[in-house]
Amino acid sequence: MPVKVADRATAAHLTSPQPRGGTPPPRWRSRKAKGLAYAAPTAVFVTVFFLLPLLLVGQMSFSDWPLLAGDRGVNAPENYTDITDSTLFWPAIRFTLLYTVIVTVVLLALALLLALLVQESRPGAGFFRTVYFLPGALGLASASLLFWGLYSPTTGPLSRILERLGLVDDPVSFLGSPTSALWSTVFLIVWKFAGFYMLILLVGLQRIPHEVYEAARMDGASRAQIFRSITLPLLRPSLALCLLLCVTGSLLAFDQFFILTKGGPDNSTVTVVQLIYREAFQRLNLGTAAALSILVLAALLLLNALQFRGLRRADES
């Protein structure tokens, strides 16, 4: 019996928490080492591919740094003041904001509609979910090249179909005017990403308990009342995620406009990221491009912070 008591006391001593100023047991040190080992690859990745490039961009933004000549020394704040002197700066900001608003509203509305249509488990629902999601598996550059061919007024099939149907008399230039170029690009983005956002919203819809809907129907609530008072409030986290992704992706739009319109016609579809590309690789001025990149990053951080703050207030209310 005394031996068992001593064994229990020894085991309790080994498993009990150590004093704050004492030496941690070997088991704790082993767990800490394992945790550091698991976190090390991510820390190295973030440092090498995010923090160090961010510091380099910050240095470029305060330096005279031609692309082909290297660092010529500090010239702050000349790079930041030169940005606003560009004739494309304010038009690019206005167009990027307009594009972001249109894409966000149209894309989220369509994604929510598709999610509601395929929410119930009925015959064919799985097939339509797959069909809606398939465009999201295609790369944005590949999708842009595909639509560039479809929109071509000479070789594209869309213009020929409209002519054969008698809707138009001449070939249609889908990218020939600022308005048509904008909406043609919006159609491409909605076609590609509607299924992806539908999937996020569908997961949110399936997490809503069916008992809540049944109780509302027993109380005599209509479909509109159920959607407004139950579905939308409980779907708010998924909508918030979609909103954050959509706004961020639209503000950083580049591939679709670079491939479809090259910023035309008459520089009417130049986005902020395209302006960064022009400064860096056409005007060969990395300093101005880096300064504009820093401003875009600051704007995105501020916008995301405001979105999180608004969503937090909505949840608290």
C-alpha atoms as a PDB file:
ATOM      1  CA  MET A   1       0.000   0.000   0.000  1.00  0.00           C
ATOM      2  CA  PRO A   2       2.681   2.614   0.870  1.00  0.00           C
ATOM      3  CA  VAL A   3       4.377   1.898  -2.441  1.00  0.00           C
ATOM      4  CA  LYS A   4       1.146   2.661  -4.355  1.00  0.00           C
ATOM      5  CA  VAL A   5       0.679   5.900  -2.444  1.00  0.00           C
ATOM      6  CA  ALA A   6       4.224   6.947  -3.300  1.00  0.00           C
ATOM      7  CA  ASP A   7       3.680   6.094  -6.970  1.00  0.00           C
ATOM      8  CA  ARG A   8       0.515   8.201  -7.083  1.00  0.00           C
ATOM      9  CA  ALA A   9       2.301  11.115  -5.430  1.00  0.00           C
ATOM     10  CA  THR A  10       5.137  10.868  -7.937  1.00  0.00           C
ATOM     11  CA  ALA A  11       2.722  10.746 -10.897  1.00  0.00           C
ATOM     12  CA  ALA A  12       0.778  13.730  -9.564  1.00  0.00           C
ATOM     13  CA  HIS A  13       4.018  15.657  -9.191  1.00  0.00           C
ATOM     14  CA  LEU A  14       5.053  14.926 -12.781  1.00  0.00           C
ATOM     15  CA  THR A  15       1.686  15.857 -14.311  1.00  0.00           C
ATOM     16  CA  SER A  16       0.959  18.915 -12.161  1.00  0.00           C
ATOM     17  CA  PRO A  17       1.640  22.407 -13.592  1.00  0.00           C
ATOM     18  CA  GLN A  18       5.056  23.775 -12.746  1.00  0.00           C
ATOM     19  CA  PRO A  19       5.495  27.036 -10.886  1.00  0.00           C
ATOM     20  CA  ARG A  20       5.719  30.144 -12.973  1.00  0.00           C
ATOM     21  CA  GLY A  21       9.395  30.595 -12.217  1.00  0.00           C
ATOM     22  CA  GLY A  22      10.305  26.880 -12.353  1.00  0.00           C
ATOM     23  CA  THR A  23      11.770  24.795 -15.140  1.00  0.00           C
ATOM     24  CA  PRO A  24       9.128  23.277 -17.490  1.00  0.00           C
ATOM     25  CA  PRO A  25       9.083  19.472 -17.675  1.00  0.00           C
ATOM     26  CA  PRO A  26      10.489  17.671 -20.716  1.00  0.00           C
ATOM     27  CA  ARG A  27       6.979  16.918 -22.029  1.00  0.00           C
ATOM     28  CA  TRP A  28       6.171  20.632 -22.212  1.00  0.00           C
ATOM     29  CA  ARG A  29       9.444  21.384 -23.960  1.00  0.00           C
ATOM     30  CA  SER A  30       8.696  18.628 -26.473  1.00  0.00           C
ATOM     31  CA  ARG A  31       5.249  20.033 -27.221  1.00  0.00           C
ATOM     32  CA  LYS A  32       6.655  23.523 -27.648  1.00  0.00           C
ATOM     33  CA  ALA A  33       9.307  22.219 -30.042  1.00  0.00           C
ATOM     34  CA  LYS A  34       6.647  20.385 -32.075  1.00  0.00           C
ATOM     35  CA  GLY A  35       4.495  23.515 -32.227  1.00  0.00           C
ATOM     36  CA  LEU A  36       7.435  25.581 -33.456  1.00  0.00           C
ATOM     37  CA  ALA A  37       8.259  22.899 -36.030  1.00  0.00           C
ATOM     38  CA  TYR A  38       4.697  22.968 -37.383  1.00  0.00           C
ATOM     39  CA  ALA A  39       4.634  26.777 -37.524  1.00  0.00           C
ATOM     40  CA  ALA A  40       8.109  27.196 -39.000  1.00  0.00           C
ATOM     41  CA  PRO A  41       7.244  26.441 -42.688  1.00  0.00           C
ATOM     42  CA  THR A  42       4.369  28.916 -42.648  1.00  0.00           C
ATOM     43  CA  ALA A  43       6.485  31.544 -40.919  1.00  0.00           C
ATOM     44  CA  VAL A  44       9.279  31.097 -43.469  1.00  0.00           C
ATOM     45  CA  PHE A  45       6.814  31.242 -46.365  1.00  0.00           C
ATOM     46  CA  VAL A  46       5.161  34.438 -45.083  1.00  0.00           C
ATOM     47  CA  THR A  47       8.531  36.048 -44.396  1.00  0.00           C
ATOM     48  CA  VAL A  48      10.089  35.211 -47.763  1.00  0.00           C
ATOM     49  CA  PHE A  49       7.078  35.765 -50.012  1.00  0.00           C
ATOM     50  CA  PHE A  50       5.222  38.561 -48.166  1.00  0.00           C
ATOM     51  CA  LEU A  51       7.169  40.472 -45.524  1.00  0.00           C
ATOM     52  CA  LEU A  52      10.463  40.819 -47.408  1.00  0.00           C
ATOM     53  CA  PRO A  53       8.799  41.814 -50.718  1.00  0.00           C
ATOM     54  CA  LEU A  54       6.617  44.279 -48.803  1.00  0.00           C
ATOM     55  CA  LEU A  55       9.704  45.873 -47.250  1.00  0.00           C
ATOM     56  CA  LEU A  56      11.347  46.038 -50.681  1.00  0.00           C
ATOM     57  CA  VAL A  57       8.272  47.689 -52.192  1.00  0.00           C
ATOM     58  CA  GLY A  58       8.263  50.178 -49.342  1.00  0.00           C
ATOM     59  CA  GLN A  59      11.906  51.002 -50.057  1.00  0.00           C
ATOM     60  CA  MET A  60      11.163  51.380 -53.770  1.00  0.00           C
ATOM     61  CA  SER A  61       8.297  53.755 -53.066  1.00  0.00           C
ATOM     62  CA  PHE A  62      10.713  56.223 -51.434  1.00  0.00           C
ATOM     63  CA  SER A  63      13.484  55.832 -54.007  1.00  0.00           C
ATOM     64  CA  ASP A  64      14.302  56.803 -57.568  1.00  0.00           C
ATOM     65  CA  TRP A  65      14.277  53.266 -58.934  1.00  0.00           C
ATOM     66  CA  PRO A  66      14.170  52.827 -62.727  1.00  0.00           C
ATOM     67  CA  LEU A  67      13.493  49.282 -63.868  1.00  0.00           C
ATOM     68  CA  LEU A  68      16.709  48.961 -65.870  1.00  0.00           C
ATOM     69  CA  ALA A  69      19.031  51.066 -63.718  1.00  0.00           C
ATOM     70  CA  GLY A  70      18.376  50.038 -60.120  1.00  0.00           C
ATOM     71  CA  ASP A  71      18.218  52.159 -56.985  1.00  0.00           C
ATOM     72  CA  ARG A  72      19.453  55.727 -57.472  1.00  0.00           C
ATOM     73  CA  GLY A  73      18.768  56.937 -53.957  1.00  0.00           C
ATOM     74  CA  VAL A  74      15.939  58.372 -51.918  1.00  0.00           C
ATOM     75  CA  ASN A  75      13.608  60.875 -53.591  1.00  0.00           C
ATOM     76  CA  ALA A  76      10.672  60.866 -51.118  1.00  0.00           C
ATOM     77  CA  PRO A  77       7.954  61.972 -51.432  1.00  0.00           C
ATOM     78  CA  GLU A  78       8.326  62.561 -55.175  1.00  0.00           C
ATOM     79  CA  ASN A  79       6.944  59.153 -56.178  1.00  0.00           C
ATOM     80  CA  TYR A  80       3.723  59.752 -54.241  1.00  0.00           C
ATOM     81  CA  THR A  81       3.223  63.247 -55.635  1.00  0.00           C
ATOM     82  CA  ASP A  82       3.897  62.070 -59.193  1.00  0.00           C
ATOM     83  CA  ILE A  83       1.036  59.588 -58.938  1.00  0.00           C
ATOM     84  CA  THR A  84      -1.654  62.244 -58.666  1.00  0.00           C
ATOM     85  CA  ASP A  85      -0.120  64.139 -61.595  1.00  0.00           C
ATOM     86  CA  SER A  86      -0.869  61.234 -63.926  1.00  0.00           C
ATOM     87  CA  THR A  87      -3.828  61.865 -66.208  1.00  0.00           C
ATOM     88  CA  LEU A  88      -4.979  58.260 -65.723  1.00  0.00           C
ATOM     89  CA  PHE A  89      -4.884  58.212 -61.916  1.00  0.00           C
ATOM     90  CA  TRP A  90      -8.338  59.577 -61.050  1.00  0.00           C
ATOM     91  CA  PRO A  91     -10.104  57.985 -64.072  1.00  0.00           C
ATOM     92  CA  ALA A  92      -8.586  54.619 -63.084  1.00  0.00           C
ATOM     93  CA  ILE A  93      -9.854  55.016 -59.512  1.00  0.00           C
ATOM     94  CA  ARG A  94     -13.353  55.987 -60.662  1.00  0.00           C
ATOM     95  CA  PHE A  95     -13.535  53.094 -63.116  1.00  0.00           C
ATOM     96  CA  THR A  96     -12.222  50.575 -60.575  1.00  0.00           C
ATOM     97  CA  LEU A  97     -14.799  51.665 -57.997  1.00  0.00           C
ATOM     98  CA  LEU A  98     -17.614  51.567 -60.582  1.00  0.00           C
ATOM     99  CA  TYR A  99     -16.568  48.107 -61.724  1.00  0.00           C
ATOM    100  CA  THR A 100     -16.340  46.891 -58.119  1.00  0.00           C
ATOM    101  CA  VAL A 101     -19.848  48.087 -57.268  1.00  0.00           C
ATOM    102  CA  ILE A 102     -21.427  46.565 -60.390  1.00  0.00           C
ATOM    103  CA  VAL A 103     -19.654  43.215 -60.054  1.00  0.00           C
ATOM    104  CA  THR A 104     -20.361  42.924 -56.330  1.00  0.00           C
ATOM    105  CA  VAL A 105     -24.083  43.624 -56.652  1.00  0.00           C
ATOM    106  CA  VAL A 106     -24.700  41.483 -59.744  1.00  0.00           C
ATOM    107  CA  LEU A 107     -22.464  38.595 -58.690  1.00  0.00           C
ATOM    108  CA  LEU A 108     -23.755  38.230 -55.140  1.00  0.00           C
ATOM    109  CA  ALA A 109     -27.387  38.579 -56.203  1.00  0.00           C
ATOM    110  CA  LEU A 110     -27.020  35.883 -58.866  1.00  0.00           C
ATOM    111  CA  ALA A 111     -25.002  33.606 -56.563  1.00  0.00           C
ATOM    112  CA  LEU A 112     -27.676  33.865 -53.867  1.00  0.00           C
ATOM    113  CA  LEU A 113     -30.403  33.105 -56.398  1.00  0.00           C
ATOM    114  CA  LEU A 114     -28.546  30.027 -57.656  1.00  0.00           C
ATOM    115  CA  ALA A 115     -27.911  28.839 -54.108  1.00  0.00           C
ATOM    116  CA  LEU A 116     -31.609  29.117 -53.287  1.00  0.00           C
ATOM    117  CA  LEU A 117     -32.547  27.213 -56.457  1.00  0.00           C
ATOM    118  CA  VAL A 118     -30.300  24.226 -55.687  1.00  0.00           C
ATOM    119  CA  GLN A 119     -30.694  24.312 -51.906  1.00  0.00           C
ATOM    120  CA  GLU A 120     -33.233  21.509 -51.653  1.00  0.00           C
ATOM    121  CA  SER A 121     -32.235  17.907 -52.333  1.00  0.00           C
ATOM    122  CA  ARG A 122     -34.368  17.152 -55.378  1.00  0.00           C
ATOM    123  CA  PRO A 123     -33.748  15.196 -58.599  1.00  0.00           C
ATOM    124  CA  GLY A 124     -31.165  17.011 -60.724  1.00  0.00           C
ATOM    125  CA  ALA A 125     -29.981  19.342 -57.947  1.00  0.00           C
ATOM    126  CA  GLY A 126     -26.518  17.769 -57.872  1.00  0.00           C
ATOM    127  CA  PHE A 127     -26.194  18.070 -61.635  1.00  0.00           C
ATOM    128  CA  PHE A 128     -27.035  21.778 -61.634  1.00  0.00           C
ATOM    129  CA  ARG A 129     -24.696  22.439 -58.713  1.00  0.00           C
ATOM    130  CA  THR A 130     -21.882  20.890 -60.723  1.00  0.00           C
ATOM    131  CA  VAL A 131     -22.789  22.803 -63.883  1.00  0.00           C
ATOM    132  CA  TYR A 132     -22.929  26.126 -62.051  1.00  0.00           C
ATOM    133  CA  PHE A 133     -19.585  25.499 -60.385  1.00  0.00           C
ATOM    134  CA  LEU A 134     -17.684  24.253 -63.473  1.00  0.00           C
ATOM    135  CA  PRO A 135     -16.687  27.722 -64.820  1.00  0.00           C
ATOM    136  CA  GLY A 136     -14.938  28.392 -61.514  1.00  0.00           C
ATOM    137  CA  ALA A 137     -12.499  25.578 -62.246  1.00  0.00           C
ATOM    138  CA  LEU A 138     -11.231  27.477 -65.299  1.00  0.00           C
ATOM    139  CA  GLY A 139      -8.382  29.931 -64.808  1.00  0.00           C
ATOM    140  CA  LEU A 140      -9.192  33.605 -65.155  1.00  0.00           C
ATOM    141  CA  ALA A 141      -6.636  34.132 -67.915  1.00  0.00           C
ATOM    142  CA  SER A 142      -7.987  31.129 -69.840  1.00  0.00           C
ATOM    143  CA  ALA A 143     -11.574  32.320 -69.402  1.00  0.00           C
ATOM    144  CA  SER A 144     -10.584  35.802 -70.582  1.00  0.00           C
ATOM    145  CA  LEU A 145      -8.959  34.379 -73.718  1.00  0.00           C
ATOM    146  CA  LEU A 146     -12.064  32.268 -74.343  1.00  0.00           C
ATOM    147  CA  PHE A 147     -14.371  35.273 -74.121  1.00  0.00           C
ATOM    148  CA  TRP A 148     -11.989  37.367 -76.216  1.00  0.00           C
ATOM    149  CA  GLY A 149     -12.548  34.859 -78.992  1.00  0.00           C
ATOM    150  CA  LEU A 150     -16.318  34.802 -78.419  1.00  0.00           C
ATOM    151  CA  TYR A 151     -16.510  38.613 -78.485  1.00  0.00           C
ATOM    152  CA  SER A 152     -14.493  38.994 -81.698  1.00  0.00           C
ATOM    153  CA  PRO A 153     -16.672  40.807 -84.287  1.00  0.00           C
ATOM    154  CA  THR A 154     -14.955  39.048 -87.204  1.00  0.00           C
ATOM    155  CA  THR A 155     -14.366  35.480 -86.052  1.00  0.00           C
ATOM    156  CA  GLY A 156     -16.422  35.224 -82.860  1.00  0.00           C
ATOM    157  CA  PRO A 157     -19.661  33.205 -82.889  1.00  0.00           C
ATOM    158  CA  LEU A 158     -21.730  35.642 -80.782  1.00  0.00           C
ATOM    159  CA  SER A 159     -21.835  38.354 -83.425  1.00  0.00           C
ATOM    160  CA  ARG A 160     -22.702  35.813 -86.152  1.00  0.00           C
ATOM    161  CA  ILE A 161     -25.535  34.361 -84.063  1.00  0.00           C
ATOM    162  CA  LEU A 162     -27.045  37.811 -83.534  1.00  0.00           C
ATOM    163  CA  GLU A 163     -26.791  38.516 -87.257  1.00  0.00           C
ATOM    164  CA  ARG A 164     -28.479  35.242 -88.227  1.00  0.00           C
ATOM    165  CA  LEU A 165     -31.278  35.883 -85.764  1.00  0.00           C
ATOM    166  CA  GLY A 166     -31.846  39.247 -87.406  1.00  0.00           C
ATOM    167  CA  LEU A 167     -31.194  41.187 -84.216  1.00  0.00           C
ATOM    168  CA  VAL A 168     -28.331  43.177 -85.751  1.00  0.00           C
ATOM    169  CA  ASP A 169     -27.360  44.090 -89.299  1.00  0.00           C
ATOM    170  CA  ASP A 170     -23.624  44.580 -88.807  1.00  0.00           C
ATOM    171  CA  PRO A 171     -21.005  42.727 -86.740  1.00  0.00           C
ATOM    172  CA  VAL A 172     -21.192  43.689 -83.080  1.00  0.00           C
ATOM    173  CA  SER A 173     -18.075  45.062 -81.390  1.00  0.00           C
ATOM    174  CA  PHE A 174     -18.630  43.950 -77.813  1.00  0.00           C
ATOM    175  CA  LEU A 175     -15.421  45.644 -76.705  1.00  0.00           C
ATOM    176  CA  GLY A 176     -15.610  48.661 -78.990  1.00  0.00           C
ATOM    177  CA  SER A 177     -17.150  51.219 -76.622  1.00  0.00           C
ATOM    178  CA  PRO A 178     -16.508  51.999 -72.937  1.00  0.00           C
ATOM    179  CA  THR A 179     -19.978  50.866 -71.844  1.00  0.00           C
ATOM    180  CA  SER A 180     -20.031  47.643 -73.848  1.00  0.00           C
ATOM    181  CA  ALA A 181     -16.465  46.809 -72.800  1.00  0.00           C
ATOM    182  CA  LEU A 182     -17.381  47.247 -69.148  1.00  0.00           C
ATOM    183  CA  TRP A 183     -20.505  45.108 -69.277  1.00  0.00           C
ATOM    184  CA  SER A 184     -18.839  42.456 -71.436  1.00  0.00           C
ATOM    185  CA  THR A 185     -16.143  42.101 -68.810  1.00  0.00           C
ATOM    186  CA  VAL A 186     -18.737  42.035 -66.019  1.00  0.00           C
ATOM    187  CA  PHE A 187     -20.546  39.216 -67.843  1.00  0.00           C
ATOM    188  CA  LEU A 188     -17.279  37.237 -68.005  1.00  0.00           C
ATOM    189  CA  ILE A 189     -16.633  37.637 -64.270  1.00  0.00           C
ATOM    190  CA  VAL A 190     -20.206  36.774 -63.317  1.00  0.00           C
ATOM    191  CA  TRP A 191     -20.145  33.690 -65.549  1.00  0.00           C
ATOM    192  CA  LYS A 192     -16.886  32.495 -64.009  1.00  0.00           C
ATOM    193  CA  PHE A 193     -17.398  33.224 -60.303  1.00  0.00           C
ATOM    194  CA  ALA A 194     -21.151  32.878 -59.756  1.00  0.00           C
ATOM    195  CA  GLY A 195     -20.826  29.148 -59.106  1.00  0.00           C
ATOM    196  CA  PHE A 196     -17.968  29.642 -56.670  1.00  0.00           C
ATOM    197  CA  TYR A 197     -19.909  32.134 -54.546  1.00  0.00           C
ATOM    198  CA  MET A 198     -23.023  29.968 -54.916  1.00  0.00           C
ATOM    199  CA  LEU A 199     -21.127  27.130 -53.250  1.00  0.00           C
ATOM    200  CA  ILE A 200     -20.160  29.328 -50.280  1.00  0.00           C
ATOM    201  CA  LEU A 201     -23.736  30.533 -49.846  1.00  0.00           C
ATOM    202  CA  LEU A 202     -25.081  27.005 -50.298  1.00  0.00           C
ATOM    203  CA  VAL A 203     -22.973  25.808 -47.374  1.00  0.00           C
ATOM    204  CA  GLY A 204     -24.367  28.660 -45.293  1.00  0.00           C
ATOM    205  CA  LEU A 205     -27.930  27.810 -46.271  1.00  0.00           C
ATOM    206  CA  GLN A 206     -27.505  24.159 -45.365  1.00  0.00           C
ATOM    207  CA  ARG A 207     -26.281  25.119 -41.898  1.00  0.00           C
ATOM    208  CA  ILE A 208     -29.600  26.801 -41.099  1.00  0.00           C
ATOM    209  CA  PRO A 209     -31.729  24.339 -39.070  1.00  0.00           C
ATOM    210  CA  HIS A 210     -34.899  23.142 -40.798  1.00  0.00           C
ATOM    211  CA  GLU A 211     -36.757  23.447 -37.505  1.00  0.00           C
ATOM    212  CA  VAL A 212     -36.507  27.216 -37.748  1.00  0.00           C
ATOM    213  CA  TYR A 213     -38.258  27.204 -41.135  1.00  0.00           C
ATOM    214  CA  GLU A 214     -40.906  24.773 -39.919  1.00  0.00           C
ATOM    215  CA  ALA A 215     -41.668  26.913 -36.888  1.00  0.00           C
ATOM    216  CA  ALA A 216     -41.987  29.994 -39.090  1.00  0.00           C
ATOM    217  CA  ARG A 217     -44.372  28.211 -41.463  1.00  0.00           C
ATOM    218  CA  MET A 218     -46.482  27.037 -38.533  1.00  0.00           C
ATOM    219  CA  ASP A 219     -46.740  30.659 -37.408  1.00  0.00           C
ATOM    220  CA  GLY A 220     -48.081  31.591 -40.832  1.00  0.00           C
ATOM    221  CA  ALA A 221     -44.997  33.398 -42.186  1.00  0.00           C
ATOM    222  CA  SER A 222     -44.844  33.864 -45.950  1.00  0.00           C
ATOM    223  CA  ARG A 223     -41.830  32.998 -48.100  1.00  0.00           C
ATOM    224  CA  ALA A 224     -40.812  36.641 -48.309  1.00  0.00           C
ATOM    225  CA  GLN A 225     -41.018  37.017 -44.535  1.00  0.00           C
ATOM    226  CA  ILE A 226     -39.016  33.819 -43.990  1.00  0.00           C
ATOM    227  CA  PHE A 227     -36.344  34.995 -46.428  1.00  0.00           C
ATOM    228  CA  ARG A 228     -36.128  38.471 -44.902  1.00  0.00           C
ATOM    229  CA  SER A 229     -36.338  37.507 -41.223  1.00  0.00           C
ATOM    230  CA  ILE A 230     -34.631  34.104 -41.121  1.00  0.00           C
ATOM    231  CA  THR A 231     -32.557  33.308 -44.195  1.00  0.00           C
ATOM    232  CA  LEU A 232     -30.716  36.606 -44.609  1.00  0.00           C
ATOM    233  CA  PRO A 233     -29.819  37.108 -40.907  1.00  0.00           C
ATOM    234  CA  LEU A 234     -28.581  33.536 -40.478  1.00  0.00           C
ATOM    235  CA  LEU A 235     -26.740  33.701 -43.806  1.00  0.00           C
ATOM    236  CA  ARG A 236     -24.866  36.859 -42.822  1.00  0.00           C
ATOM    237  CA  PRO A 237     -21.468  35.182 -42.130  1.00  0.00           C
ATOM    238  CA  SER A 238     -21.427  33.564 -45.579  1.00  0.00           C
ATOM    239  CA  LEU A 239     -22.553  36.787 -47.236  1.00  0.00           C
ATOM    240  CA  ALA A 240     -19.826  38.666 -45.378  1.00  0.00           C
ATOM    241  CA  LEU A 241     -17.171  36.271 -46.668  1.00  0.00           C
ATOM    242  CA  CYS A 242     -18.469  36.578 -50.238  1.00  0.00           C
ATOM    243  CA  LEU A 243     -18.591  40.361 -49.946  1.00  0.00           C
ATOM    244  CA  LEU A 244     -15.022  40.519 -48.688  1.00  0.00           C
ATOM    245  CA  LEU A 245     -13.694  38.250 -51.428  1.00  0.00           C
ATOM    246  CA  CYS A 246     -15.665  39.944 -54.178  1.00  0.00           C
ATOM    247  CA  VAL A 247     -14.717  43.501 -53.239  1.00  0.00           C
ATOM    248  CA  THR A 248     -11.046  42.648 -52.803  1.00  0.00           C
ATOM    249  CA  GLY A 249     -10.886  40.722 -56.070  1.00  0.00           C
ATOM    250  CA  SER A 250     -12.674  43.478 -58.009  1.00  0.00           C
ATOM    251  CA  LEU A 251     -10.420  46.231 -56.671  1.00  0.00           C
ATOM    252  CA  LEU A 252      -7.405  44.173 -57.787  1.00  0.00           C
ATOM    253  CA  ALA A 253      -8.827  43.400 -61.241  1.00  0.00           C
ATOM    254  CA  PHE A 254      -6.147  43.030 -63.895  1.00  0.00           C
ATOM    255  CA  ASP A 255      -6.187  39.831 -66.002  1.00  0.00           C
ATOM    256  CA  GLN A 256      -9.610  40.256 -67.559  1.00  0.00           C
ATOM    257  CA  PHE A 257      -9.055  43.846 -68.672  1.00  0.00           C
ATOM    258  CA  PHE A 258      -5.473  43.260 -69.753  1.00  0.00           C
ATOM    259  CA  ILE A 259      -6.558  40.424 -72.051  1.00  0.00           C
ATOM    260  CA  LEU A 260      -9.936  41.696 -73.238  1.00  0.00           C
ATOM    261  CA  THR A 261      -9.516  45.449 -73.603  1.00  0.00           C
ATOM    262  CA  LYS A 262      -5.854  46.365 -72.930  1.00  0.00           C
ATOM    263  CA  GLY A 263      -7.331  49.322 -71.055  1.00  0.00           C
ATOM    264  CA  GLY A 264      -9.248  50.578 -74.091  1.00  0.00           C
ATOM    265  CA  PRO A 265     -11.021  51.955 -75.855  1.00  0.00           C
ATOM    266  CA  ASP A 266      -9.314  55.300 -75.216  1.00  0.00           C
ATOM    267  CA  ASN A 267      -8.068  54.231 -71.763  1.00  0.00           C
ATOM    268  CA  SER A 268     -11.656  53.956 -70.537  1.00  0.00           C
ATOM    269  CA  THR A 269     -11.164  50.573 -68.843  1.00  0.00           C
ATOM    270  CA  VAL A 270      -7.848  51.153 -67.100  1.00  0.00           C
ATOM    271  CA  THR A 271      -7.914  49.790 -63.544  1.00  0.00           C
ATOM    272  CA  VAL A 272      -5.619  50.746 -60.686  1.00  0.00           C
ATOM    273  CA  VAL A 273      -3.584  47.537 -61.022  1.00  0.00           C
ATOM    274  CA  GLN A 274      -3.214  48.157 -64.749  1.00  0.00           C
ATOM    275  CA  LEU A 275      -1.885  51.597 -63.895  1.00  0.00           C
ATOM    276  CA  ILE A 276       0.701  49.963 -61.632  1.00  0.00           C
ATOM    277  CA  TYR A 277       1.679  47.654 -64.500  1.00  0.00           C
ATOM    278  CA  ARG A 278       2.040  50.582 -66.900  1.00  0.00           C
ATOM    279  CA  GLU A 279       4.214  52.542 -64.492  1.00  0.00           C
ATOM    280  CA  ALA A 280       6.491  49.564 -63.860  1.00  0.00           C
ATOM    281  CA  PHE A 281       6.820  47.887 -67.253  1.00  0.00           C
ATOM    282  CA  GLN A 282       5.924  50.538 -69.819  1.00  0.00           C
ATOM    283  CA  ARG A 283       7.249  53.711 -68.219  1.00  0.00           C
ATOM    284  CA  LEU A 284       9.970  51.632 -66.455  1.00  0.00           C
ATOM    285  CA  ASN A 285       9.488  53.473 -63.173  1.00  0.00           C
ATOM    286  CA  LEU A 286       9.417  51.014 -60.294  1.00  0.00           C
ATOM    287  CA  GLY A 287       9.391  53.803 -57.701  1.00  0.00           C
ATOM    288  CA  THR A 288       6.063  55.256 -58.802  1.00  0.00           C
ATOM    289  CA  ALA A 289       4.582  51.784 -59.280  1.00  0.00           C
ATOM    290  CA  ALA A 290       5.669  50.814 -55.762  1.00  0.00           C
ATOM    291  CA  ALA A 291       4.171  53.987 -54.293  1.00  0.00           C
ATOM    292  CA  LEU A 292       0.860  53.279 -55.998  1.00  0.00           C
ATOM    293  CA  SER A 293       1.009  49.672 -54.721  1.00  0.00           C
ATOM    294  CA  ILE A 294       1.454  50.930 -51.161  1.00  0.00           C
ATOM    295  CA  LEU A 295      -1.559  53.215 -51.551  1.00  0.00           C
ATOM    296  CA  VAL A 296      -3.672  50.345 -52.909  1.00  0.00           C
ATOM    297  CA  LEU A 297      -2.609  48.121 -50.009  1.00  0.00           C
ATOM    298  CA  ALA A 298      -3.488  50.826 -47.480  1.00  0.00           C
ATOM    299  CA  ALA A 299      -6.882  51.357 -49.127  1.00  0.00           C
ATOM    300  CA  LEU A 300      -7.623  47.620 -49.037  1.00  0.00           C
ATOM    301  CA  LEU A 301      -6.655  47.346 -45.369  1.00  0.00           C
ATOM    302  CA  LEU A 302      -8.845  50.325 -44.490  1.00  0.00           C
ATOM    303  CA  LEU A 303     -11.776  49.011 -46.513  1.00  0.00           C
ATOM    304  CA  ASN A 304     -11.533  45.534 -45.003  1.00  0.00           C
ATOM    305  CA  ALA A 305     -11.312  47.009 -41.505  1.00  0.00           C
ATOM    306  CA  LEU A 306     -14.453  49.067 -42.145  1.00  0.00           C
ATOM    307  CA  GLN A 307     -16.256  45.994 -43.470  1.00  0.00           C
ATOM    308  CA  PHE A 308     -15.328  43.932 -40.405  1.00  0.00           C
ATOM    309  CA  ARG A 309     -16.374  46.773 -38.115  1.00  0.00           C
ATOM    310  CA  GLY A 310     -19.740  47.143 -39.839  1.00  0.00           C
ATOM    311  CA  LEU A 311     -20.390  43.408 -39.722  1.00  0.00           C
ATOM    312  CA  ARG A 312     -19.442  43.269 -36.052  1.00  0.00           C
ATOM    313  CA  ARG A 313     -21.881  46.070 -35.248  1.00  0.00           C
ATOM    314  CA  ALA A 314     -24.613  44.308 -37.240  1.00  0.00           C
ATOM    315  CA  ASP A 315     -24.020  41.091 -35.274  1.00  0.00           C
ATOM    316  CA  GLU A 316     -24.127  42.919 -31.951  1.00  0.00           C
ATOM    317  CA  SER A 317     -27.399  44.642 -32.834  1.00  0.00           C
END
